[in-house]
Amino acid sequence: MIVGLIIACEVAFWVLLAAGLAFRYVFRMPRTGLALLLCEPLLEIVLLAVTAVDLRNGAEPDWRHGLAAVYIGFTVGLGHSTIRWADARVAHRLAGGPPPVKPPRYGTARAAHEWKVAARWILASAVALALLQGAVWYVGGSGDTGSLRAWQQRMLWVIGINVVIAASYTLFPKRERQRERGADENPVDSGAGAGTSSPR
């Protein structure tokens, strides 16, 4: 039942996201669209409540309960940025909004971007760790919490990997190639005269 509910929550997340953006930009009903988007956290509340009830009713904690905690954590950490990502693109396509801002490619700006991405993944993992620890305490010493501890170890790996990736961009920043820099500074087509070039 837990796995089925996780799948249902994931499907409902994208359905609510699509419906909210449709009402906001297609039907020109921004308040209704916002209300649908605000329903997203209710999915995690339902999943958390069902998982807690399942454990309280004597279910042996296993990988499914751990997966539920991880799903909730990742939705908390990454859900808002996913909604914002989709909103920017739909607004650009359907409402004449500005084009989505591309992430920086080089130097300190790229390193800062990578740390922001890492922060979202670290937040997701931290929430999952807290929920998993809460489940361990809830079960107590009478139950087998090995599967929950295994999920906690995976979350620590996720945190470590993201820190390493972000740190690599800080310690070894990606630098713009001289050829690319020259092309950006002088974007004139070699087959046309200087007077006929037009910026894009």
N, C-alpha and C. Protein backbone atom coordinates (compact mmCIF):
# COMPACT_ATOMS: atom_id res chain seq x y z
N MET A 1 0.83 -1.21 0.00
CA MET A 1 0.00 0.00 0.00
C MET A 1 0.86 1.26 0.00
N ILE A 2 1.97 1.24 0.73
CA ILE A 2 2.82 2.42 0.82
C ILE A 2 3.41 2.77 -0.54
N VAL A 3 3.90 1.76 -1.25
CA VAL A 3 4.49 2.01 -2.57
C VAL A 3 3.44 2.56 -3.53
N GLY A 4 2.26 1.98 -3.50
CA GLY A 4 1.17 2.47 -4.36
C GLY A 4 0.82 3.92 -4.05
N LEU A 5 0.84 4.26 -2.77
CA LEU A 5 0.53 5.64 -2.38
C LEU A 5 1.63 6.60 -2.83
N ILE A 6 2.89 6.15 -2.76
CA ILE A 6 3.99 6.99 -3.24
C ILE A 6 3.82 7.27 -4.73
N ILE A 7 3.49 6.22 -5.50
CA ILE A 7 3.27 6.41 -6.94
C ILE A 7 2.10 7.35 -7.18
N ALA A 8 1.03 7.17 -6.41
CA ALA A 8 -0.14 8.04 -6.56
C ALA A 8 0.21 9.49 -6.24
N CYS A 9 1.04 9.71 -5.22
CA CYS A 9 1.45 11.07 -4.86
C CYS A 9 2.29 11.70 -5.96
N GLU A 10 3.16 10.90 -6.57
CA GLU A 10 4.00 11.43 -7.65
C GLU A 10 3.14 11.81 -8.86
N VAL A 11 2.19 10.95 -9.21
CA VAL A 11 1.29 11.26 -10.33
C VAL A 11 0.47 12.50 -10.00
N ALA A 12 -0.05 12.55 -8.78
CA ALA A 12 -0.87 13.70 -8.38
C ALA A 12 -0.06 14.99 -8.38
N PHE A 13 1.23 14.91 -8.03
CA PHE A 13 2.08 16.10 -8.04
C PHE A 13 2.11 16.71 -9.44
N TRP A 14 2.36 15.88 -10.45
CA TRP A 14 2.45 16.41 -11.82
C TRP A 14 1.09 16.82 -12.36
N VAL A 15 0.03 16.11 -11.95
CA VAL A 15 -1.32 16.50 -12.39
C VAL A 15 -1.69 17.87 -11.81
N LEU A 16 -1.43 18.06 -10.51
CA LEU A 16 -1.71 19.35 -9.90
C LEU A 16 -0.85 20.46 -10.51
N LEU A 17 0.40 20.14 -10.80
CA LEU A 17 1.29 21.13 -11.41
C LEU A 17 0.77 21.53 -12.78
N ALA A 18 0.41 20.55 -13.60
CA ALA A 18 -0.10 20.86 -14.94
C ALA A 18 -1.42 21.62 -14.86
N ALA A 19 -2.30 21.20 -13.95
CA ALA A 19 -3.59 21.89 -13.82
C ALA A 19 -3.41 23.31 -13.31
N GLY A 20 -2.54 23.48 -12.32
CA GLY A 20 -2.31 24.82 -11.78
C GLY A 20 -1.76 25.77 -12.82
N LEU A 21 -0.79 25.32 -13.63
CA LEU A 21 -0.22 26.17 -14.67
C LEU A 21 -1.23 26.43 -15.78
N ALA A 22 -2.07 25.42 -16.09
CA ALA A 22 -3.09 25.61 -17.12
C ALA A 22 -4.09 26.67 -16.69
N PHE A 23 -4.56 26.59 -15.45
CA PHE A 23 -5.52 27.60 -14.98
C PHE A 23 -4.86 28.97 -14.89
N ARG A 24 -3.58 29.00 -14.60
CA ARG A 24 -2.90 30.28 -14.43
C ARG A 24 -2.65 30.98 -15.76
N TYR A 25 -2.26 30.22 -16.79
CA TYR A 25 -1.83 30.85 -18.03
C TYR A 25 -2.75 30.59 -19.22
N VAL A 26 -3.47 29.47 -19.23
CA VAL A 26 -4.35 29.17 -20.36
C VAL A 26 -5.74 29.74 -20.12
N PHE A 27 -6.30 29.48 -18.94
CA PHE A 27 -7.66 29.93 -18.64
C PHE A 27 -7.69 31.30 -17.97
N ARG A 28 -6.48 31.88 -17.72
CA ARG A 28 -6.39 33.21 -17.11
C ARG A 28 -7.12 33.27 -15.77
N MET A 29 -6.92 32.25 -14.96
CA MET A 29 -7.51 32.19 -13.62
C MET A 29 -6.37 31.97 -12.62
N PRO A 30 -5.57 33.03 -12.37
CA PRO A 30 -4.36 32.85 -11.54
C PRO A 30 -4.65 32.40 -10.12
N ARG A 31 -5.77 32.86 -9.54
CA ARG A 31 -6.05 32.46 -8.16
C ARG A 31 -6.36 30.97 -8.07
N THR A 32 -7.13 30.47 -9.02
CA THR A 32 -7.42 29.04 -9.04
C THR A 32 -6.15 28.24 -9.27
N GLY A 33 -5.31 28.72 -10.19
CA GLY A 33 -4.04 28.04 -10.43
C GLY A 33 -3.17 28.01 -9.20
N LEU A 34 -3.10 29.14 -8.49
CA LEU A 34 -2.30 29.19 -7.26
C LEU A 34 -2.86 28.25 -6.20
N ALA A 35 -4.19 28.19 -6.10
CA ALA A 35 -4.80 27.30 -5.12
C ALA A 35 -4.46 25.84 -5.41
N LEU A 36 -4.44 25.47 -6.69
CA LEU A 36 -4.08 24.10 -7.04
C LEU A 36 -2.61 23.81 -6.70
N LEU A 37 -1.74 24.78 -6.97
CA LEU A 37 -0.32 24.59 -6.65
C LEU A 37 -0.10 24.50 -5.14
N LEU A 38 -0.90 25.22 -4.38
CA LEU A 38 -0.76 25.18 -2.92
C LEU A 38 -1.27 23.86 -2.33
N CYS A 39 -1.98 23.08 -3.13
CA CYS A 39 -2.43 21.77 -2.66
C CYS A 39 -1.31 20.74 -2.67
N GLU A 40 -0.20 21.06 -3.32
CA GLU A 40 0.90 20.10 -3.43
C GLU A 40 1.36 19.58 -2.06
N PRO A 41 1.57 20.44 -1.04
CA PRO A 41 2.05 19.91 0.25
C PRO A 41 1.09 18.93 0.91
N LEU A 42 -0.19 19.00 0.55
CA LEU A 42 -1.15 18.08 1.16
C LEU A 42 -0.82 16.62 0.82
N LEU A 43 -0.21 16.41 -0.34
CA LEU A 43 0.15 15.06 -0.75
C LEU A 43 1.16 14.46 0.23
N GLU A 44 2.15 15.27 0.61
CA GLU A 44 3.17 14.77 1.53
C GLU A 44 2.58 14.54 2.92
N ILE A 45 1.63 15.40 3.32
CA ILE A 45 0.99 15.23 4.62
C ILE A 45 0.22 13.92 4.67
N VAL A 46 -0.50 13.63 3.59
CA VAL A 46 -1.27 12.37 3.53
C VAL A 46 -0.33 11.17 3.58
N LEU A 47 0.76 11.23 2.80
CA LEU A 47 1.70 10.11 2.79
C LEU A 47 2.35 9.92 4.16
N LEU A 48 2.71 11.02 4.82
CA LEU A 48 3.31 10.93 6.15
C LEU A 48 2.34 10.33 7.14
N ALA A 49 1.07 10.76 7.07
CA ALA A 49 0.07 10.26 8.01
C ALA A 49 -0.18 8.77 7.79
N VAL A 50 -0.30 8.35 6.54
CA VAL A 50 -0.55 6.93 6.25
C VAL A 50 0.63 6.08 6.70
N THR A 51 1.85 6.56 6.48
CA THR A 51 3.03 5.81 6.91
C THR A 51 3.07 5.67 8.43
N ALA A 52 2.77 6.76 9.13
CA ALA A 52 2.77 6.71 10.60
C ALA A 52 1.70 5.76 11.11
N VAL A 53 0.51 5.79 10.51
CA VAL A 53 -0.57 4.89 10.93
C VAL A 53 -0.19 3.44 10.67
N ASP A 54 0.46 3.19 9.53
CA ASP A 54 0.88 1.83 9.20
C ASP A 54 1.86 1.28 10.24
N LEU A 55 2.80 2.13 10.64
CA LEU A 55 3.76 1.71 11.68
C LEU A 55 3.07 1.54 13.03
N ARG A 56 2.15 2.42 13.34
CA ARG A 56 1.47 2.34 14.62
C ARG A 56 0.61 1.08 14.73
N ASN A 57 0.11 0.62 13.58
CA ASN A 57 -0.73 -0.58 13.58
C ASN A 57 0.09 -1.87 13.62
N GLY A 58 1.40 -1.72 13.80
CA GLY A 58 2.22 -2.91 13.99
C GLY A 58 2.97 -3.39 12.78
N ALA A 59 2.95 -2.64 11.68
CA ALA A 59 3.69 -3.07 10.50
C ALA A 59 5.19 -3.04 10.78
N GLU A 60 5.89 -4.06 10.30
CA GLU A 60 7.33 -4.11 10.48
C GLU A 60 7.99 -3.08 9.57
N PRO A 61 8.81 -2.17 10.11
CA PRO A 61 9.43 -1.15 9.27
C PRO A 61 10.36 -1.79 8.23
N ASP A 62 10.18 -1.42 6.98
CA ASP A 62 11.02 -1.96 5.92
C ASP A 62 11.35 -0.87 4.92
N TRP A 63 11.86 -1.26 3.76
CA TRP A 63 12.34 -0.30 2.78
C TRP A 63 11.22 0.60 2.26
N ARG A 64 9.97 0.13 2.31
CA ARG A 64 8.86 0.95 1.82
C ARG A 64 8.62 2.16 2.71
N HIS A 65 8.71 1.98 4.01
CA HIS A 65 8.55 3.11 4.92
C HIS A 65 9.72 4.09 4.75
N GLY A 66 10.92 3.54 4.55
CA GLY A 66 12.07 4.41 4.29
C GLY A 66 11.92 5.17 3.00
N LEU A 67 11.41 4.51 1.96
CA LEU A 67 11.19 5.18 0.68
C LEU A 67 10.18 6.31 0.82
N ALA A 68 9.15 6.10 1.64
CA ALA A 68 8.16 7.15 1.86
C ALA A 68 8.82 8.38 2.49
N ALA A 69 9.68 8.16 3.48
CA ALA A 69 10.37 9.28 4.12
C ALA A 69 11.28 10.00 3.13
N VAL A 70 11.98 9.24 2.29
CA VAL A 70 12.87 9.84 1.30
C VAL A 70 12.07 10.63 0.28
N TYR A 71 10.94 10.09 -0.15
CA TYR A 71 10.10 10.79 -1.13
C TYR A 71 9.62 12.13 -0.56
N ILE A 72 9.17 12.11 0.67
CA ILE A 72 8.71 13.36 1.30
C ILE A 72 9.85 14.35 1.40
N GLY A 73 11.02 13.89 1.82
CA GLY A 73 12.17 14.78 1.94
C GLY A 73 12.55 15.40 0.61
N PHE A 74 12.57 14.61 -0.44
CA PHE A 74 12.97 15.14 -1.74
C PHE A 74 11.90 16.06 -2.32
N THR A 75 10.65 15.80 -2.01
CA THR A 75 9.60 16.72 -2.46
C THR A 75 9.72 18.06 -1.75
N VAL A 76 10.04 18.02 -0.46
CA VAL A 76 10.23 19.27 0.29
C VAL A 76 11.43 20.04 -0.25
N GLY A 77 12.53 19.33 -0.51
CA GLY A 77 13.75 20.01 -0.94
C GLY A 77 13.76 20.44 -2.39
N LEU A 78 13.10 19.67 -3.26
CA LEU A 78 13.18 19.92 -4.69
C LEU A 78 11.86 20.33 -5.33
N GLY A 79 10.76 20.15 -4.61
CA GLY A 79 9.46 20.43 -5.20
C GLY A 79 9.28 21.88 -5.62
N HIS A 80 9.68 22.82 -4.75
CA HIS A 80 9.49 24.24 -5.05
C HIS A 80 10.29 24.66 -6.27
N SER A 81 11.52 24.20 -6.37
CA SER A 81 12.34 24.57 -7.52
C SER A 81 11.79 23.95 -8.80
N THR A 82 11.20 22.75 -8.70
CA THR A 82 10.59 22.13 -9.87
C THR A 82 9.39 22.93 -10.35
N ILE A 83 8.56 23.37 -9.42
CA ILE A 83 7.41 24.19 -9.78
C ILE A 83 7.86 25.51 -10.40
N ARG A 84 8.87 26.13 -9.81
CA ARG A 84 9.37 27.40 -10.34
C ARG A 84 9.97 27.21 -11.73
N TRP A 85 10.67 26.10 -11.95
CA TRP A 85 11.26 25.79 -13.26
C TRP A 85 10.16 25.65 -14.32
N ALA A 86 9.12 24.90 -13.99
CA ALA A 86 8.03 24.70 -14.94
C ALA A 86 7.26 26.00 -15.16
N ASP A 87 7.04 26.77 -14.11
CA ASP A 87 6.29 28.02 -14.23
C ASP A 87 6.99 29.00 -15.16
N ALA A 88 8.31 29.11 -15.06
CA ALA A 88 9.05 30.04 -15.92
C ALA A 88 8.92 29.66 -17.38
N ARG A 89 8.95 28.38 -17.68
CA ARG A 89 8.87 27.94 -19.07
C ARG A 89 7.48 28.06 -19.65
N VAL A 90 6.46 27.76 -18.85
CA VAL A 90 5.08 27.90 -19.32
C VAL A 90 4.74 29.38 -19.50
N ALA A 91 5.21 30.22 -18.58
CA ALA A 91 4.96 31.66 -18.71
C ALA A 91 5.60 32.21 -19.98
N HIS A 92 6.79 31.73 -20.30
CA HIS A 92 7.47 32.18 -21.52
C HIS A 92 6.74 31.71 -22.77
N ARG A 93 6.26 30.47 -22.75
CA ARG A 93 5.61 29.91 -23.93
C ARG A 93 4.21 30.46 -24.16
N LEU A 94 3.45 30.62 -23.08
CA LEU A 94 2.02 30.92 -23.22
C LEU A 94 1.63 32.33 -22.83
N ALA A 95 2.45 33.01 -22.04
CA ALA A 95 2.05 34.32 -21.54
C ALA A 95 3.01 35.42 -21.92
N GLY A 96 3.92 35.17 -22.82
CA GLY A 96 4.85 36.21 -23.25
C GLY A 96 5.84 36.63 -22.20
N GLY A 97 6.11 35.75 -21.24
CA GLY A 97 7.07 36.08 -20.19
C GLY A 97 8.49 36.03 -20.71
N PRO A 98 9.43 36.52 -19.93
CA PRO A 98 10.83 36.49 -20.36
C PRO A 98 11.33 35.06 -20.49
N PRO A 99 12.32 34.84 -21.34
CA PRO A 99 12.87 33.48 -21.46
C PRO A 99 13.52 33.05 -20.16
N PRO A 100 13.45 31.78 -19.85
CA PRO A 100 14.08 31.30 -18.61
C PRO A 100 15.57 31.62 -18.58
N VAL A 101 16.03 32.01 -17.42
CA VAL A 101 17.44 32.36 -17.27
C VAL A 101 18.27 31.10 -17.25
N LYS A 102 19.26 31.04 -18.12
CA LYS A 102 20.15 29.89 -18.15
C LYS A 102 21.18 30.00 -17.03
N PRO A 103 21.56 28.87 -16.46
CA PRO A 103 22.58 28.92 -15.39
C PRO A 103 23.91 29.39 -15.94
N PRO A 104 24.69 30.08 -15.14
CA PRO A 104 26.03 30.51 -15.60
C PRO A 104 26.90 29.31 -15.92
N ARG A 105 27.87 29.53 -16.78
CA ARG A 105 28.70 28.42 -17.26
C ARG A 105 30.11 28.43 -16.68
N TYR A 106 30.58 29.58 -16.22
CA TYR A 106 31.99 29.67 -15.88
C TYR A 106 32.21 30.36 -14.52
N GLY A 107 33.40 30.12 -13.97
CA GLY A 107 33.92 30.89 -12.86
C GLY A 107 33.13 30.82 -11.58
N THR A 108 33.21 31.91 -10.83
CA THR A 108 32.57 31.99 -9.52
C THR A 108 31.06 31.87 -9.61
N ALA A 109 30.49 32.44 -10.67
CA ALA A 109 29.04 32.38 -10.84
C ALA A 109 28.57 30.93 -10.98
N ARG A 110 29.31 30.14 -11.75
CA ARG A 110 28.95 28.73 -11.90
C ARG A 110 29.10 27.99 -10.58
N ALA A 111 30.16 28.28 -9.84
CA ALA A 111 30.36 27.64 -8.54
C ALA A 111 29.21 27.96 -7.59
N ALA A 112 28.79 29.24 -7.58
CA ALA A 112 27.67 29.64 -6.72
C ALA A 112 26.39 28.90 -7.11
N HIS A 113 26.18 28.77 -8.42
CA HIS A 113 25.00 28.03 -8.90
C HIS A 113 25.04 26.58 -8.44
N GLU A 114 26.19 25.94 -8.53
CA GLU A 114 26.31 24.55 -8.12
C GLU A 114 26.07 24.39 -6.62
N TRP A 115 26.50 25.37 -5.83
CA TRP A 115 26.24 25.30 -4.39
C TRP A 115 24.76 25.46 -4.08
N LYS A 116 24.06 26.28 -4.88
CA LYS A 116 22.61 26.42 -4.68
C LYS A 116 21.89 25.11 -5.01
N VAL A 117 22.32 24.47 -6.10
CA VAL A 117 21.74 23.17 -6.45
C VAL A 117 22.03 22.15 -5.35
N ALA A 118 23.27 22.13 -4.89
CA ALA A 118 23.65 21.21 -3.82
C ALA A 118 22.84 21.47 -2.55
N ALA A 119 22.58 22.75 -2.26
CA ALA A 119 21.82 23.08 -1.05
C ALA A 119 20.42 22.49 -1.10
N ARG A 120 19.81 22.48 -2.28
CA ARG A 120 18.47 21.90 -2.39
C ARG A 120 18.51 20.39 -2.15
N TRP A 121 19.51 19.72 -2.71
CA TRP A 121 19.63 18.28 -2.49
C TRP A 121 19.99 17.97 -1.04
N ILE A 122 20.83 18.81 -0.44
CA ILE A 122 21.18 18.60 0.96
C ILE A 122 19.97 18.79 1.85
N LEU A 123 19.15 19.81 1.56
CA LEU A 123 17.92 20.01 2.32
C LEU A 123 17.00 18.81 2.19
N ALA A 124 16.85 18.30 0.96
CA ALA A 124 16.00 17.12 0.75
C ALA A 124 16.50 15.94 1.57
N SER A 125 17.80 15.72 1.53
CA SER A 125 18.37 14.60 2.27
C SER A 125 18.25 14.80 3.77
N ALA A 126 18.43 16.04 4.23
CA ALA A 126 18.33 16.32 5.67
C ALA A 126 16.91 16.08 6.18
N VAL A 127 15.92 16.50 5.39
CA VAL A 127 14.52 16.25 5.79
C VAL A 127 14.26 14.75 5.84
N ALA A 128 14.76 14.04 4.82
CA ALA A 128 14.58 12.58 4.81
C ALA A 128 15.27 11.94 6.02
N LEU A 129 16.48 12.41 6.34
CA LEU A 129 17.18 11.88 7.51
C LEU A 129 16.38 12.11 8.79
N ALA A 130 15.81 13.30 8.92
CA ALA A 130 15.04 13.60 10.13
C ALA A 130 13.80 12.71 10.22
N LEU A 131 13.10 12.52 9.10
CA LEU A 131 11.91 11.67 9.11
C LEU A 131 12.27 10.22 9.39
N LEU A 132 13.38 9.77 8.82
CA LEU A 132 13.83 8.40 9.08
C LEU A 132 14.20 8.20 10.55
N GLN A 133 14.87 9.21 11.12
CA GLN A 133 15.22 9.13 12.54
C GLN A 133 13.97 9.13 13.40
N GLY A 134 13.00 9.96 13.00
CA GLY A 134 11.73 9.96 13.73
C GLY A 134 11.06 8.59 13.68
N ALA A 135 11.13 7.94 12.51
CA ALA A 135 10.55 6.60 12.40
C ALA A 135 11.30 5.60 13.28
N VAL A 136 12.63 5.74 13.35
CA VAL A 136 13.42 4.85 14.21
C VAL A 136 13.00 5.03 15.67
N TRP A 137 12.86 6.26 16.12
CA TRP A 137 12.43 6.51 17.50
C TRP A 137 11.00 6.02 17.73
N TYR A 138 10.17 6.18 16.71
CA TYR A 138 8.77 5.79 16.84
C TYR A 138 8.64 4.28 17.01
N VAL A 139 9.45 3.54 16.23
CA VAL A 139 9.42 2.08 16.33
C VAL A 139 10.03 1.62 17.65
N GLY A 140 11.10 2.31 18.07
CA GLY A 140 11.75 1.96 19.33
C GLY A 140 12.63 0.73 19.20
N GLY A 141 13.04 0.22 20.32
CA GLY A 141 13.95 -0.92 20.32
C GLY A 141 13.28 -2.25 20.04
N SER A 142 11.96 -2.27 19.97
CA SER A 142 11.26 -3.54 19.79
C SER A 142 11.20 -3.99 18.33
N GLY A 143 11.47 -3.07 17.40
CA GLY A 143 11.37 -3.41 15.99
C GLY A 143 12.72 -3.38 15.30
N ASP A 144 12.76 -3.99 14.12
CA ASP A 144 13.97 -4.01 13.31
C ASP A 144 14.03 -2.74 12.48
N THR A 145 14.99 -1.88 12.77
CA THR A 145 15.12 -0.59 12.07
C THR A 145 16.28 -0.60 11.08
N GLY A 146 16.77 -1.78 10.73
CA GLY A 146 17.92 -1.86 9.83
C GLY A 146 17.66 -1.23 8.48
N SER A 147 16.46 -1.44 7.92
CA SER A 147 16.15 -0.87 6.61
C SER A 147 16.09 0.66 6.66
N LEU A 148 15.60 1.19 7.79
CA LEU A 148 15.55 2.64 7.94
C LEU A 148 16.96 3.21 8.07
N ARG A 149 17.82 2.53 8.81
CA ARG A 149 19.21 2.97 8.93
C ARG A 149 19.92 2.92 7.58
N ALA A 150 19.59 1.93 6.76
CA ALA A 150 20.20 1.83 5.43
C ALA A 150 19.82 3.03 4.57
N TRP A 151 18.57 3.47 4.66
CA TRP A 151 18.16 4.67 3.92
C TRP A 151 18.90 5.90 4.43
N GLN A 152 19.13 5.96 5.73
CA GLN A 152 19.89 7.09 6.27
C GLN A 152 21.30 7.13 5.71
N GLN A 153 21.93 5.98 5.57
CA GLN A 153 23.26 5.93 4.98
C GLN A 153 23.25 6.41 3.53
N ARG A 154 22.20 6.04 2.80
CA ARG A 154 22.10 6.50 1.41
C ARG A 154 21.97 8.02 1.35
N MET A 155 21.21 8.59 2.27
CA MET A 155 21.05 10.04 2.28
C MET A 155 22.37 10.74 2.60
N LEU A 156 23.16 10.15 3.47
CA LEU A 156 24.49 10.72 3.76
C LEU A 156 25.37 10.68 2.52
N TRP A 157 25.25 9.60 1.73
CA TRP A 157 25.99 9.53 0.47
C TRP A 157 25.54 10.62 -0.50
N VAL A 158 24.23 10.86 -0.56
CA VAL A 158 23.72 11.92 -1.44
C VAL A 158 24.28 13.27 -1.04
N ILE A 159 24.31 13.54 0.27
CA ILE A 159 24.87 14.81 0.75
C ILE A 159 26.35 14.90 0.38
N GLY A 160 27.09 13.84 0.63
CA GLY A 160 28.53 13.85 0.34
C GLY A 160 28.81 14.07 -1.14
N ILE A 161 28.06 13.39 -2.01
CA ILE A 161 28.27 13.53 -3.46
C ILE A 161 28.01 14.96 -3.91
N ASN A 162 26.94 15.56 -3.42
CA ASN A 162 26.61 16.93 -3.83
C ASN A 162 27.64 17.93 -3.31
N VAL A 163 28.15 17.71 -2.11
CA VAL A 163 29.19 18.59 -1.59
C VAL A 163 30.46 18.48 -2.44
N VAL A 164 30.82 17.26 -2.81
CA VAL A 164 32.02 17.06 -3.63
C VAL A 164 31.86 17.74 -4.99
N ILE A 165 30.70 17.59 -5.62
CA ILE A 165 30.47 18.21 -6.93
C ILE A 165 30.57 19.73 -6.84
N ALA A 166 29.87 20.31 -5.84
CA ALA A 166 29.91 21.77 -5.70
C ALA A 166 31.31 22.26 -5.36
N ALA A 167 32.01 21.53 -4.49
CA ALA A 167 33.36 21.93 -4.11
C ALA A 167 34.31 21.86 -5.29
N SER A 168 34.10 20.90 -6.20
CA SER A 168 34.98 20.80 -7.37
C SER A 168 34.88 22.03 -8.25
N TYR A 169 33.68 22.62 -8.35
CA TYR A 169 33.53 23.84 -9.14
C TYR A 169 34.15 25.05 -8.44
N THR A 170 34.26 24.96 -7.12
CA THR A 170 34.90 26.04 -6.37
C THR A 170 36.42 25.93 -6.45
N LEU A 171 36.94 24.72 -6.27
CA LEU A 171 38.39 24.52 -6.27
C LEU A 171 38.97 24.51 -7.68
N PHE A 172 38.21 24.02 -8.62
CA PHE A 172 38.67 23.95 -10.01
C PHE A 172 37.63 24.58 -10.92
N PRO A 173 37.49 25.90 -10.85
CA PRO A 173 36.43 26.58 -11.61
C PRO A 173 36.59 26.38 -13.11
N LYS A 174 35.48 26.20 -13.77
CA LYS A 174 35.49 26.06 -15.22
C LYS A 174 35.72 27.43 -15.84
N ARG A 175 36.71 27.52 -16.70
CA ARG A 175 37.06 28.81 -17.30
C ARG A 175 36.66 28.85 -18.76
N GLU A 176 36.29 30.05 -19.18
CA GLU A 176 35.87 30.25 -20.55
C GLU A 176 37.07 30.15 -21.48
N ARG A 177 36.90 29.43 -22.58
CA ARG A 177 37.98 29.31 -23.54
C ARG A 177 38.18 30.63 -24.28
N GLN A 178 39.42 30.88 -24.67
CA GLN A 178 39.74 32.13 -25.36
C GLN A 178 38.97 32.26 -26.66
N ARG A 179 38.81 31.15 -27.38
CA ARG A 179 38.10 31.20 -28.65
C ARG A 179 36.64 31.58 -28.45
N GLU A 180 35.98 31.00 -27.39
CA GLU A 180 34.60 31.32 -27.12
C GLU A 180 34.46 32.78 -26.69
N ARG A 181 35.45 33.28 -25.90
CA ARG A 181 35.39 34.66 -25.46
C ARG A 181 35.50 35.61 -26.63
N GLY A 182 36.38 35.28 -27.56
CA GLY A 182 36.52 36.13 -28.74
C GLY A 182 35.28 36.13 -29.61
N ALA A 183 34.62 34.98 -29.71
CA ALA A 183 33.39 34.91 -30.50
C ALA A 183 32.28 35.73 -29.86
N ASP A 184 32.23 35.72 -28.52
CA ASP A 184 31.20 36.50 -27.84
C ASP A 184 31.45 37.99 -27.98
N GLU A 185 32.73 38.39 -27.97
CA GLU A 185 33.04 39.81 -28.06
C GLU A 185 32.90 40.35 -29.48
N ASN A 186 32.99 39.48 -30.51
CA ASN A 186 32.92 39.92 -31.89
C ASN A 186 32.01 38.99 -32.68
N PRO A 187 30.69 38.99 -32.38
CA PRO A 187 29.76 38.04 -33.00
C PRO A 187 29.36 38.48 -34.40
N VAL A 188 30.31 38.63 -35.34
CA VAL A 188 30.02 39.04 -36.70
C VAL A 188 30.23 37.85 -37.62
N ASP A 189 29.26 37.57 -38.47
CA ASP A 189 29.34 36.46 -39.40
C ASP A 189 30.47 36.72 -40.39
N SER A 190 31.35 35.72 -40.54
CA SER A 190 32.50 35.91 -41.41
C SER A 190 32.10 36.05 -42.86
N GLY A 191 30.89 35.63 -43.24
CA GLY A 191 30.47 35.72 -44.63
C GLY A 191 29.73 36.98 -44.95
N ALA A 192 29.55 37.89 -44.02
CA ALA A 192 28.79 39.12 -44.25
C ALA A 192 29.64 40.30 -43.86
N GLY A 193 29.32 41.44 -44.40
CA GLY A 193 30.04 42.67 -44.07
C GLY A 193 29.65 43.15 -42.70
N ALA A 194 30.51 43.99 -42.14
CA ALA A 194 30.24 44.50 -40.79
C ALA A 194 28.95 45.28 -40.75
N GLY A 195 28.60 45.91 -41.82
CA GLY A 195 27.39 46.74 -41.82
C GLY A 195 26.12 45.94 -41.96
N THR A 196 26.22 44.64 -42.31
CA THR A 196 25.01 43.85 -42.52
C THR A 196 24.70 42.91 -41.38
N SER A 197 25.57 42.88 -40.38
CA SER A 197 25.32 41.97 -39.26
C SER A 197 24.24 42.53 -38.37
N SER A 198 23.46 41.62 -37.74
CA SER A 198 22.38 42.06 -36.85
C SER A 198 22.42 41.20 -35.62
N PRO A 199 22.25 41.79 -34.45
CA PRO A 199 22.27 41.00 -33.22
C PRO A 199 21.05 40.11 -33.13
N ARG A 200 21.21 38.95 -32.50
CA ARG A 200 20.07 38.05 -32.27
C ARG A 200 19.59 38.18 -30.85
